[in-house]
Amino acid sequence: MAAWGNWMNANQSSIIDAGGPLGVTKRASAEGVADTRNSLTGYVIIEAESHDAAARMFKDHPHFAIFPGDSVEIIECLAIPGS
């Protein structure tokens, strides 16, 4: 966890929300609410010059040592159309 803290400190100027771990998932649809699964385990919100620049921030992230074989997905947050 020290390596994770070091990564957070090294990138603190880009971190908008330090996030945290994610728990059980529910899915809501027109059919109702049901249990579901996904591979998301946590999140952090960052700001970067571009989607590619954001992805590069996660190269060699400590997550890969804690969860070998796992990955980090970098999802772009888009502006609401018309806002």
Protein backbone atom coordinates (compact mmCIF):
# COMPACT_ATOMS: atom_id res chain seq x y z
CA MET A 1 0.00 0.00 0.00
CA ALA A 2 3.01 2.30 0.46
CA ALA A 3 3.64 2.14 -3.30
CA TRP A 4 0.01 3.15 -3.91
CA GLY A 5 0.43 6.13 -1.55
CA ASN A 6 3.63 7.10 -3.34
CA TRP A 7 1.81 7.04 -6.69
CA MET A 8 -0.98 9.21 -5.26
CA ASN A 9 1.56 11.71 -3.88
CA ALA A 10 3.53 11.81 -7.14
CA ASN A 11 0.33 12.54 -9.11
CA GLN A 12 -1.54 14.68 -6.56
CA SER A 13 -1.67 17.72 -8.85
CA SER A 14 -3.75 15.69 -11.34
CA ILE A 15 -6.03 13.95 -8.83
CA ILE A 16 -9.50 15.50 -8.65
CA ASP A 17 -11.05 12.78 -6.44
CA ALA A 18 -8.88 10.22 -4.64
CA GLY A 19 -11.71 7.71 -5.03
CA GLY A 20 -11.67 4.46 -3.15
CA PRO A 21 -12.62 0.80 -3.31
CA LEU A 22 -15.89 -0.31 -4.91
CA GLY A 23 -18.24 -2.91 -3.48
CA VAL A 24 -21.20 -5.01 -4.57
CA THR A 25 -22.86 -4.05 -7.86
CA LYS A 26 -26.57 -3.76 -8.65
CA ARG A 27 -28.06 -3.27 -12.10
CA ALA A 28 -31.21 -1.19 -12.61
CA SER A 29 -33.15 -1.59 -15.84
CA ALA A 30 -36.72 -1.42 -17.12
CA GLU A 31 -37.10 -4.98 -15.79
CA GLY A 32 -36.15 -3.95 -12.24
CA VAL A 33 -33.11 -4.16 -9.96
CA ALA A 34 -30.87 -7.22 -9.81
CA ASP A 35 -27.49 -8.30 -8.53
CA THR A 36 -24.73 -8.31 -11.15
CA ARG A 37 -20.95 -8.58 -11.38
CA ASN A 38 -18.16 -6.63 -13.00
CA SER A 39 -14.41 -6.45 -12.54
CA LEU A 40 -14.29 -2.91 -11.14
CA THR A 41 -12.56 -2.78 -7.77
CA GLY A 42 -11.90 0.93 -7.24
CA TYR A 43 -11.72 4.33 -8.86
CA VAL A 44 -9.77 7.59 -8.89
CA ILE A 45 -10.67 10.70 -10.89
CA ILE A 46 -7.79 12.55 -12.53
CA GLU A 47 -7.44 15.50 -14.87
CA ALA A 48 -4.95 15.29 -17.74
CA GLU A 49 -4.16 17.03 -21.03
CA SER A 50 -5.65 14.15 -22.99
CA HIS A 51 -7.03 10.64 -22.69
CA ASP A 52 -3.62 9.29 -23.78
CA ALA A 53 -1.83 11.42 -21.15
CA ALA A 54 -4.19 10.08 -18.49
CA ALA A 55 -3.50 6.49 -19.58
CA ARG A 56 0.27 7.08 -19.41
CA MET A 57 -0.09 8.10 -15.75
CA PHE A 58 -1.05 4.51 -14.98
CA LYS A 59 1.96 2.87 -16.66
CA ASP A 60 3.63 0.74 -13.96
CA HIS A 61 0.89 1.60 -11.44
CA PRO A 62 1.23 -0.28 -8.10
CA HIS A 63 -2.18 -1.91 -8.75
CA PHE A 64 -0.36 -4.37 -11.02
CA ALA A 65 1.84 -5.57 -8.13
CA ILE A 66 -1.09 -5.84 -5.72
CA PHE A 67 -3.37 -7.58 -8.26
CA PRO A 68 -1.06 -9.42 -10.72
CA GLY A 69 -2.64 -9.97 -14.13
CA ASP A 70 -5.22 -7.25 -13.52
CA SER A 71 -5.52 -3.96 -15.40
CA VAL A 72 -6.64 -0.36 -15.03
CA GLU A 73 -9.26 1.09 -17.36
CA ILE A 74 -9.02 4.80 -18.14
CA ILE A 75 -12.48 6.14 -19.01
CA GLU A 76 -12.90 9.64 -20.39
CA CYS A 77 -15.57 11.76 -18.68
CA LEU A 78 -17.32 13.77 -21.37
CA ALA A 79 -19.18 17.05 -21.02
CA ILE A 80 -22.96 16.87 -21.04
CA PRO A 81 -24.12 17.87 -24.53
CA GLY A 82 -25.56 21.38 -24.60
CA SER A 83 -24.02 22.42 -21.29
